[in-house]
Amino acid sequence: MWKSLRSFLRVGKGSQDLQRDQPAIPSSAKPIVALIIGEQDRALLTNIAIRTGIDIRFTDSCGEAWTIANQLEAPVILCDRDLPGAEWRDVMQILASAHQRPSVILTSRVVDDYLWQEVIRNGGYGVLPKPLREEDVVRSVRLAWSYWSSVMTMSPRPLKH
């Protein structure tokens, strides 16, 4: 158990620009799905994946993201608020309904308390401000993965009769 915990808390190779005390995302973790449209944000996520060893699967539609998340049992999904032709609330509800109940993180240029509340109300986990910054992405994905992992390992409560 301690070996797993130490592994989780180590900083990945090549991530010297991240804070030393900030844990990396476990490289053995399941893939992360990214329904992100901006090329700059995709490039940043690709660089993070290379440095941390995580597997990020980019998708171009809600249906594709949902299918891949289910096939790969993705614990975290990043979802762009500004998807063309789609209402982000509907997309978030669909993605959050995947079989493994992933932590869905909305990326948005506007971040305020109202948006956080809306994200939670629609089944999401959190919000990341755009343009994306590496330290914010790593911290948010790590926490979302950790939350998902703890929820998945919790034993169900006994039913009261």
N, C-alpha and C. Protein backbone atom coordinates (compact mmCIF):
# COMPACT_ATOMS: atom_id res chain seq x y z
N MET A 1 0.82 -1.19 0.00
CA MET A 1 0.00 0.00 0.00
C MET A 1 0.86 1.25 0.00
N TRP A 2 1.91 1.27 0.84
CA TRP A 2 2.77 2.47 0.91
C TRP A 2 3.48 2.69 -0.41
N LYS A 3 3.87 1.60 -1.09
CA LYS A 3 4.53 1.73 -2.38
C LYS A 3 3.62 2.43 -3.38
N SER A 4 2.34 2.04 -3.38
CA SER A 4 1.36 2.67 -4.28
C SER A 4 1.19 4.14 -3.95
N LEU A 5 1.12 4.44 -2.65
CA LEU A 5 0.94 5.82 -2.22
C LEU A 5 2.14 6.67 -2.61
N ARG A 6 3.35 6.15 -2.38
CA ARG A 6 4.56 6.89 -2.76
C ARG A 6 4.61 7.10 -4.27
N SER A 7 4.22 6.08 -5.03
CA SER A 7 4.19 6.18 -6.48
C SER A 7 3.23 7.27 -6.92
N PHE A 8 2.07 7.35 -6.26
CA PHE A 8 1.08 8.36 -6.59
C PHE A 8 1.59 9.76 -6.28
N LEU A 9 2.38 9.90 -5.23
CA LEU A 9 2.82 11.21 -4.79
C LEU A 9 4.08 11.71 -5.46
N ARG A 10 4.71 10.89 -6.29
CA ARG A 10 5.94 11.35 -6.93
C ARG A 10 5.62 12.25 -8.12
N VAL A 11 6.58 13.14 -8.43
CA VAL A 11 6.44 14.02 -9.59
C VAL A 11 7.04 13.30 -10.78
N GLY A 12 6.32 13.33 -11.92
CA GLY A 12 6.77 12.62 -13.11
C GLY A 12 8.07 13.17 -13.66
N LYS A 13 8.80 12.31 -14.39
CA LYS A 13 10.06 12.70 -15.01
C LYS A 13 9.81 13.80 -16.02
N GLY A 14 10.74 14.74 -16.07
CA GLY A 14 10.65 15.81 -17.05
C GLY A 14 9.67 16.90 -16.70
N SER A 15 9.13 16.89 -15.52
CA SER A 15 8.15 17.93 -15.16
C SER A 15 8.76 18.89 -14.14
N GLN A 16 10.00 19.31 -14.41
CA GLN A 16 10.68 20.19 -13.48
C GLN A 16 9.98 21.53 -13.32
N ASP A 17 9.20 21.93 -14.32
CA ASP A 17 8.52 23.22 -14.20
C ASP A 17 7.30 23.14 -13.30
N LEU A 18 6.88 21.94 -12.91
CA LEU A 18 5.79 21.80 -11.95
C LEU A 18 6.37 21.90 -10.56
N GLN A 19 5.56 22.28 -9.60
CA GLN A 19 6.03 22.37 -8.23
C GLN A 19 6.48 20.99 -7.76
N ARG A 20 7.59 20.94 -7.02
CA ARG A 20 8.15 19.68 -6.52
C ARG A 20 7.19 18.94 -5.61
N ASP A 21 6.41 19.66 -4.82
CA ASP A 21 5.54 18.99 -3.87
C ASP A 21 4.19 18.62 -4.46
N GLN A 22 3.99 18.88 -5.73
CA GLN A 22 2.72 18.55 -6.36
C GLN A 22 2.79 17.17 -6.97
N PRO A 23 1.93 16.26 -6.54
CA PRO A 23 1.94 14.90 -7.08
C PRO A 23 1.60 14.89 -8.56
N ALA A 24 2.21 13.97 -9.28
CA ALA A 24 1.89 13.77 -10.69
C ALA A 24 0.65 12.89 -10.79
N ILE A 25 0.06 12.90 -11.95
CA ILE A 25 -1.04 11.99 -12.23
C ILE A 25 -0.42 10.61 -12.41
N PRO A 26 -0.96 9.60 -11.79
CA PRO A 26 -0.36 8.27 -11.93
C PRO A 26 -0.31 7.84 -13.39
N SER A 27 0.88 7.48 -13.88
CA SER A 27 1.01 7.10 -15.28
C SER A 27 0.32 5.77 -15.57
N SER A 28 0.07 4.98 -14.53
CA SER A 28 -0.63 3.72 -14.73
C SER A 28 -2.15 3.90 -14.72
N ALA A 29 -2.59 5.14 -14.54
CA ALA A 29 -4.02 5.42 -14.50
C ALA A 29 -4.64 5.17 -15.87
N LYS A 30 -5.94 4.99 -15.87
CA LYS A 30 -6.66 4.81 -17.12
C LYS A 30 -6.59 6.10 -17.93
N PRO A 31 -6.85 6.03 -19.22
CA PRO A 31 -6.76 7.22 -20.08
C PRO A 31 -7.75 8.32 -19.66
N ILE A 32 -7.38 9.52 -20.01
CA ILE A 32 -8.23 10.69 -19.79
C ILE A 32 -8.78 11.08 -21.16
N VAL A 33 -10.06 11.38 -21.23
CA VAL A 33 -10.69 11.79 -22.48
C VAL A 33 -10.77 13.31 -22.51
N ALA A 34 -10.44 13.90 -23.66
CA ALA A 34 -10.45 15.35 -23.79
C ALA A 34 -11.29 15.76 -24.99
N LEU A 35 -12.44 16.33 -24.71
CA LEU A 35 -13.31 16.91 -25.75
C LEU A 35 -13.00 18.40 -25.76
N ILE A 36 -11.86 18.71 -26.35
CA ILE A 36 -11.31 20.07 -26.36
C ILE A 36 -11.14 20.49 -27.81
N ILE A 37 -11.61 21.70 -28.16
CA ILE A 37 -11.56 22.11 -29.56
C ILE A 37 -10.37 23.00 -29.92
N GLY A 38 -9.85 23.77 -28.99
CA GLY A 38 -8.78 24.72 -29.30
C GLY A 38 -7.43 24.03 -29.51
N GLU A 39 -6.76 24.38 -30.60
CA GLU A 39 -5.46 23.77 -30.91
C GLU A 39 -4.42 24.09 -29.85
N GLN A 40 -4.43 25.31 -29.31
CA GLN A 40 -3.46 25.68 -28.28
C GLN A 40 -3.68 24.82 -27.03
N ASP A 41 -4.93 24.63 -26.63
CA ASP A 41 -5.23 23.81 -25.47
C ASP A 41 -4.88 22.34 -25.72
N ARG A 42 -5.14 21.85 -26.93
CA ARG A 42 -4.78 20.47 -27.27
C ARG A 42 -3.27 20.28 -27.23
N ALA A 43 -2.54 21.27 -27.74
CA ALA A 43 -1.08 21.18 -27.72
C ALA A 43 -0.55 21.15 -26.29
N LEU A 44 -1.12 21.98 -25.41
CA LEU A 44 -0.71 21.99 -24.01
C LEU A 44 -0.99 20.63 -23.36
N LEU A 45 -2.17 20.07 -23.61
CA LEU A 45 -2.52 18.76 -23.05
C LEU A 45 -1.60 17.67 -23.58
N THR A 46 -1.23 17.75 -24.85
CA THR A 46 -0.30 16.79 -25.43
C THR A 46 1.05 16.87 -24.72
N ASN A 47 1.54 18.08 -24.48
CA ASN A 47 2.81 18.26 -23.77
C ASN A 47 2.74 17.72 -22.35
N ILE A 48 1.63 17.95 -21.68
CA ILE A 48 1.45 17.42 -20.32
C ILE A 48 1.49 15.90 -20.36
N ALA A 49 0.81 15.32 -21.34
CA ALA A 49 0.78 13.86 -21.47
C ALA A 49 2.18 13.29 -21.68
N ILE A 50 2.96 13.95 -22.50
CA ILE A 50 4.33 13.49 -22.77
C ILE A 50 5.17 13.57 -21.49
N ARG A 51 5.06 14.68 -20.77
CA ARG A 51 5.89 14.87 -19.57
C ARG A 51 5.46 13.98 -18.40
N THR A 52 4.16 13.73 -18.27
CA THR A 52 3.69 12.97 -17.10
C THR A 52 3.47 11.50 -17.39
N GLY A 53 3.42 11.12 -18.66
CA GLY A 53 3.20 9.73 -19.01
C GLY A 53 1.74 9.31 -19.00
N ILE A 54 0.82 10.27 -18.87
CA ILE A 54 -0.58 9.89 -18.89
C ILE A 54 -1.05 9.74 -20.34
N ASP A 55 -2.13 9.04 -20.52
CA ASP A 55 -2.70 8.78 -21.83
C ASP A 55 -3.92 9.68 -22.00
N ILE A 56 -3.83 10.63 -22.92
CA ILE A 56 -4.97 11.52 -23.20
C ILE A 56 -5.51 11.17 -24.57
N ARG A 57 -6.82 10.93 -24.63
CA ARG A 57 -7.49 10.61 -25.89
C ARG A 57 -8.36 11.79 -26.29
N PHE A 58 -8.01 12.43 -27.40
CA PHE A 58 -8.79 13.57 -27.89
C PHE A 58 -9.98 13.09 -28.70
N THR A 59 -11.09 13.78 -28.54
CA THR A 59 -12.29 13.46 -29.31
C THR A 59 -12.85 14.76 -29.89
N ASP A 60 -13.73 14.61 -30.88
CA ASP A 60 -14.29 15.78 -31.56
C ASP A 60 -15.78 15.95 -31.36
N SER A 61 -16.41 15.00 -30.66
CA SER A 61 -17.85 15.11 -30.44
C SER A 61 -18.22 14.48 -29.10
N CYS A 62 -19.38 14.85 -28.62
CA CYS A 62 -19.88 14.31 -27.36
C CYS A 62 -20.08 12.80 -27.46
N GLY A 63 -20.67 12.34 -28.54
CA GLY A 63 -20.91 10.92 -28.72
C GLY A 63 -19.62 10.11 -28.74
N GLU A 64 -18.62 10.64 -29.43
CA GLU A 64 -17.32 9.96 -29.49
C GLU A 64 -16.67 9.95 -28.11
N ALA A 65 -16.74 11.06 -27.39
CA ALA A 65 -16.17 11.13 -26.03
C ALA A 65 -16.85 10.13 -25.11
N TRP A 66 -18.18 10.05 -25.18
CA TRP A 66 -18.93 9.11 -24.33
C TRP A 66 -18.56 7.67 -24.64
N THR A 67 -18.47 7.35 -25.93
CA THR A 67 -18.13 5.99 -26.35
C THR A 67 -16.72 5.61 -25.89
N ILE A 68 -15.75 6.48 -26.12
CA ILE A 68 -14.37 6.19 -25.73
C ILE A 68 -14.25 6.11 -24.21
N ALA A 69 -14.93 7.02 -23.51
CA ALA A 69 -14.88 6.99 -22.04
C ALA A 69 -15.41 5.66 -21.51
N ASN A 70 -16.45 5.14 -22.11
CA ASN A 70 -17.00 3.85 -21.69
C ASN A 70 -16.09 2.69 -22.06
N GLN A 71 -15.56 2.71 -23.28
CA GLN A 71 -14.69 1.62 -23.72
C GLN A 71 -13.43 1.52 -22.86
N LEU A 72 -12.86 2.67 -22.53
CA LEU A 72 -11.59 2.70 -21.81
C LEU A 72 -11.75 2.90 -20.31
N GLU A 73 -13.00 3.04 -19.86
CA GLU A 73 -13.30 3.30 -18.45
C GLU A 73 -12.52 4.52 -17.93
N ALA A 74 -12.57 5.59 -18.69
CA ALA A 74 -11.84 6.81 -18.35
C ALA A 74 -12.38 7.43 -17.06
N PRO A 75 -11.50 7.73 -16.12
CA PRO A 75 -11.94 8.32 -14.85
C PRO A 75 -12.19 9.82 -14.92
N VAL A 76 -11.56 10.48 -15.91
CA VAL A 76 -11.66 11.94 -16.02
C VAL A 76 -11.93 12.30 -17.47
N ILE A 77 -12.83 13.25 -17.65
CA ILE A 77 -13.11 13.79 -18.98
C ILE A 77 -12.98 15.31 -18.90
N LEU A 78 -12.21 15.88 -19.81
CA LEU A 78 -12.13 17.33 -19.96
C LEU A 78 -13.09 17.71 -21.08
N CYS A 79 -13.92 18.71 -20.83
CA CYS A 79 -14.96 19.09 -21.79
C CYS A 79 -14.93 20.60 -22.01
N ASP A 80 -14.83 21.01 -23.25
CA ASP A 80 -14.83 22.43 -23.61
C ASP A 80 -16.23 23.00 -23.53
N ARG A 81 -16.37 24.14 -22.92
CA ARG A 81 -17.68 24.79 -22.81
C ARG A 81 -18.17 25.28 -24.17
N ASP A 82 -17.24 25.66 -25.05
CA ASP A 82 -17.59 26.30 -26.31
C ASP A 82 -17.63 25.33 -27.49
N LEU A 83 -18.31 24.20 -27.32
CA LEU A 83 -18.43 23.25 -28.40
C LEU A 83 -19.43 23.76 -29.42
N PRO A 84 -19.07 23.77 -30.70
CA PRO A 84 -20.01 24.26 -31.71
C PRO A 84 -21.23 23.35 -31.83
N GLY A 85 -22.40 23.95 -31.85
CA GLY A 85 -23.64 23.20 -32.05
C GLY A 85 -24.08 22.37 -30.86
N ALA A 86 -23.52 22.62 -29.68
CA ALA A 86 -23.89 21.82 -28.51
C ALA A 86 -24.01 22.71 -27.28
N GLU A 87 -24.98 22.41 -26.46
CA GLU A 87 -25.17 23.10 -25.18
C GLU A 87 -24.31 22.39 -24.14
N TRP A 88 -23.41 23.09 -23.48
CA TRP A 88 -22.46 22.45 -22.57
C TRP A 88 -23.14 21.70 -21.43
N ARG A 89 -24.30 22.17 -20.97
CA ARG A 89 -25.00 21.48 -19.88
C ARG A 89 -25.44 20.08 -20.32
N ASP A 90 -25.97 20.00 -21.54
CA ASP A 90 -26.40 18.71 -22.07
C ASP A 90 -25.21 17.77 -22.25
N VAL A 91 -24.13 18.31 -22.80
CA VAL A 91 -22.92 17.51 -23.02
C VAL A 91 -22.39 16.99 -21.69
N MET A 92 -22.34 17.86 -20.69
CA MET A 92 -21.83 17.46 -19.37
C MET A 92 -22.68 16.35 -18.77
N GLN A 93 -24.00 16.46 -18.87
CA GLN A 93 -24.88 15.42 -18.33
C GLN A 93 -24.66 14.10 -19.03
N ILE A 94 -24.50 14.15 -20.34
CA ILE A 94 -24.27 12.92 -21.11
C ILE A 94 -22.94 12.29 -20.70
N LEU A 95 -21.87 13.08 -20.65
CA LEU A 95 -20.56 12.54 -20.30
C LEU A 95 -20.52 12.00 -18.88
N ALA A 96 -21.17 12.71 -17.96
CA ALA A 96 -21.20 12.27 -16.56
C ALA A 96 -22.00 10.98 -16.40
N SER A 97 -22.83 10.64 -17.38
CA SER A 97 -23.65 9.43 -17.29
C SER A 97 -22.92 8.18 -17.78
N ALA A 98 -21.67 8.32 -18.18
CA ALA A 98 -20.90 7.16 -18.63
C ALA A 98 -20.89 6.11 -17.51
N HIS A 99 -20.72 4.86 -17.88
CA HIS A 99 -20.86 3.74 -16.95
C HIS A 99 -20.00 3.85 -15.70
N GLN A 100 -18.78 4.34 -15.83
CA GLN A 100 -17.86 4.41 -14.69
C GLN A 100 -17.97 5.72 -13.92
N ARG A 101 -18.95 6.54 -14.25
CA ARG A 101 -19.21 7.80 -13.56
C ARG A 101 -17.95 8.66 -13.46
N PRO A 102 -17.41 9.11 -14.61
CA PRO A 102 -16.17 9.87 -14.60
C PRO A 102 -16.35 11.26 -13.97
N SER A 103 -15.23 11.81 -13.55
CA SER A 103 -15.20 13.20 -13.09
C SER A 103 -15.06 14.07 -14.33
N VAL A 104 -16.09 14.87 -14.63
CA VAL A 104 -16.08 15.71 -15.83
C VAL A 104 -15.69 17.12 -15.42
N ILE A 105 -14.64 17.63 -16.09
CA ILE A 105 -14.14 18.97 -15.82
C ILE A 105 -14.44 19.85 -17.03
N LEU A 106 -15.15 20.94 -16.81
CA LEU A 106 -15.48 21.89 -17.87
C LEU A 106 -14.34 22.90 -18.01
N THR A 107 -13.93 23.19 -19.24
CA THR A 107 -12.97 24.26 -19.48
C THR A 107 -13.74 25.45 -20.02
N SER A 108 -13.46 26.64 -19.45
CA SER A 108 -14.25 27.82 -19.81
C SER A 108 -13.43 29.09 -19.67
N ARG A 109 -13.71 30.05 -20.55
CA ARG A 109 -13.06 31.36 -20.44
C ARG A 109 -13.63 32.16 -19.28
N VAL A 110 -14.85 31.87 -18.89
CA VAL A 110 -15.50 32.55 -17.77
C VAL A 110 -15.64 31.54 -16.63
N VAL A 111 -15.12 31.90 -15.47
CA VAL A 111 -15.23 31.02 -14.31
C VAL A 111 -15.71 31.87 -13.13
N ASP A 112 -16.88 31.51 -12.61
CA ASP A 112 -17.41 32.21 -11.44
C ASP A 112 -18.20 31.22 -10.60
N ASP A 113 -18.69 31.66 -9.46
CA ASP A 113 -19.43 30.78 -8.56
C ASP A 113 -20.68 30.20 -9.23
N TYR A 114 -21.36 31.00 -10.03
CA TYR A 114 -22.56 30.53 -10.70
C TYR A 114 -22.24 29.36 -11.63
N LEU A 115 -21.15 29.49 -12.39
CA LEU A 115 -20.76 28.41 -13.31
C LEU A 115 -20.40 27.15 -12.53
N TRP A 116 -19.65 27.29 -11.44
CA TRP A 116 -19.31 26.13 -10.60
C TRP A 116 -20.58 25.42 -10.15
N GLN A 117 -21.55 26.17 -9.69
CA GLN A 117 -22.80 25.58 -9.22
C GLN A 117 -23.52 24.86 -10.36
N GLU A 118 -23.54 25.47 -11.53
CA GLU A 118 -24.17 24.86 -12.70
C GLU A 118 -23.47 23.56 -13.10
N VAL A 119 -22.16 23.55 -13.04
CA VAL A 119 -21.39 22.36 -13.38
C VAL A 119 -21.75 21.22 -12.43
N ILE A 120 -21.75 21.51 -11.15
CA ILE A 120 -22.08 20.49 -10.14
C ILE A 120 -23.52 20.01 -10.34
N ARG A 121 -24.44 20.94 -10.58
CA ARG A 121 -25.85 20.58 -10.79
C ARG A 121 -26.05 19.68 -12.00
N ASN A 122 -25.15 19.80 -12.98
CA ASN A 122 -25.27 19.01 -14.20
C ASN A 122 -24.36 17.79 -14.21
N GLY A 123 -23.89 17.40 -13.03
CA GLY A 123 -23.14 16.16 -12.91
C GLY A 123 -21.64 16.28 -13.07
N GLY A 124 -21.13 17.52 -13.19
CA GLY A 124 -19.70 17.71 -13.39
C GLY A 124 -18.92 17.72 -12.09
N TYR A 125 -17.60 17.72 -12.24
CA TYR A 125 -16.70 17.73 -11.09
C TYR A 125 -16.15 19.12 -10.81
N GLY A 126 -15.77 19.85 -11.85
CA GLY A 126 -15.15 21.15 -11.62
C GLY A 126 -14.99 21.94 -12.90
N VAL A 127 -14.31 23.09 -12.76
CA VAL A 127 -14.11 24.01 -13.88
C VAL A 127 -12.64 24.39 -13.95
N LEU A 128 -12.10 24.42 -15.16
CA LEU A 128 -10.74 24.89 -15.40
C LEU A 128 -10.81 26.16 -16.25
N PRO A 129 -10.11 27.22 -15.83
CA PRO A 129 -10.12 28.44 -16.63
C PRO A 129 -9.30 28.28 -17.91
N LYS A 130 -9.78 28.94 -18.98
CA LYS A 130 -9.06 28.98 -20.25
C LYS A 130 -8.50 30.37 -20.44
N PRO A 131 -7.35 30.52 -21.06
CA PRO A 131 -6.55 29.44 -21.64
C PRO A 131 -5.99 28.55 -20.54
N LEU A 132 -5.86 27.27 -20.89
CA LEU A 132 -5.38 26.29 -19.92
C LEU A 132 -3.93 26.58 -19.54
N ARG A 133 -3.63 26.33 -18.27
CA ARG A 133 -2.26 26.43 -17.76
C ARG A 133 -1.86 25.07 -17.21
N GLU A 134 -0.63 24.68 -17.47
CA GLU A 134 -0.18 23.34 -17.12
C GLU A 134 -0.40 23.00 -15.65
N GLU A 135 0.00 23.88 -14.75
CA GLU A 135 -0.13 23.55 -13.33
C GLU A 135 -1.60 23.40 -12.91
N ASP A 136 -2.49 24.21 -13.50
CA ASP A 136 -3.92 24.08 -13.19
C ASP A 136 -4.49 22.76 -13.70
N VAL A 137 -4.09 22.39 -14.92
CA VAL A 137 -4.59 21.15 -15.52
C VAL A 137 -4.12 19.96 -14.70
N VAL A 138 -2.84 19.90 -14.39
CA VAL A 138 -2.30 18.75 -13.66
C VAL A 138 -2.95 18.65 -12.29
N ARG A 139 -3.08 19.77 -11.59
CA ARG A 139 -3.70 19.75 -10.26
C ARG A 139 -5.15 19.30 -10.34
N SER A 140 -5.92 19.87 -11.26
CA SER A 140 -7.35 19.53 -11.38
C SER A 140 -7.57 18.09 -11.80
N VAL A 141 -6.80 17.62 -12.76
CA VAL A 141 -6.96 16.24 -13.23
C VAL A 141 -6.52 15.28 -12.13
N ARG A 142 -5.44 15.58 -11.44
CA ARG A 142 -4.98 14.72 -10.34
C ARG A 142 -6.04 14.62 -9.26
N LEU A 143 -6.63 15.75 -8.87
CA LEU A 143 -7.66 15.74 -7.83
C LEU A 143 -8.92 15.02 -8.30
N ALA A 144 -9.30 15.25 -9.55
CA ALA A 144 -10.49 14.57 -10.10
C ALA A 144 -10.26 13.07 -10.17
N TRP A 145 -9.06 12.66 -10.60
CA TRP A 145 -8.74 11.23 -10.65
C TRP A 145 -8.76 10.63 -9.24
N SER A 146 -8.19 11.35 -8.30
CA SER A 146 -8.17 10.87 -6.91
C SER A 146 -9.58 10.74 -6.36
N TYR A 147 -10.42 11.73 -6.62
CA TYR A 147 -11.81 11.69 -6.17
C TYR A 147 -12.53 10.49 -6.78
N TRP A 148 -12.39 10.33 -8.10
CA TRP A 148 -13.03 9.21 -8.80
C TRP A 148 -12.56 7.88 -8.22
N SER A 149 -11.25 7.77 -8.01
CA SER A 149 -10.68 6.54 -7.48
C SER A 149 -11.23 6.22 -6.09
N SER A 150 -11.35 7.23 -5.24
CA SER A 150 -11.86 6.99 -3.89
C SER A 150 -13.34 6.61 -3.92
N VAL A 151 -14.10 7.22 -4.79
CA VAL A 151 -15.53 6.89 -4.90
C VAL A 151 -15.70 5.46 -5.42
N MET A 152 -14.86 5.07 -6.38
CA MET A 152 -14.98 3.74 -6.97
C MET A 152 -14.57 2.64 -5.99
N THR A 153 -13.70 2.95 -5.04
CA THR A 153 -13.24 1.92 -4.11
C THR A 153 -14.06 1.87 -2.83
N MET A 154 -14.94 2.84 -2.64
CA MET A 154 -15.78 2.83 -1.44
C MET A 154 -16.78 1.69 -1.53
N SER A 155 -16.95 1.01 -0.43
CA SER A 155 -17.94 -0.08 -0.44
C SER A 155 -19.32 0.50 -0.28
N PRO A 156 -20.31 -0.14 -0.89
CA PRO A 156 -21.68 0.38 -0.77
C PRO A 156 -22.18 0.26 0.67
N ARG A 157 -23.00 1.19 1.05
CA ARG A 157 -23.59 1.15 2.38
C ARG A 157 -24.64 0.06 2.47
N PRO A 158 -24.73 -0.58 3.62
CA PRO A 158 -25.79 -1.59 3.77
C PRO A 158 -27.16 -0.95 3.76
N LEU A 159 -28.10 -1.65 3.21
CA LEU A 159 -29.49 -1.15 3.17
C LEU A 159 -30.15 -1.32 4.52
N LYS A 160 -30.93 -0.32 4.92
CA LYS A 160 -31.67 -0.43 6.18
C LYS A 160 -33.02 -1.06 5.87
N HIS A 161 -33.44 -1.94 6.71
CA HIS A 161 -34.74 -2.60 6.52
C HIS A 161 -35.74 -2.06 7.49
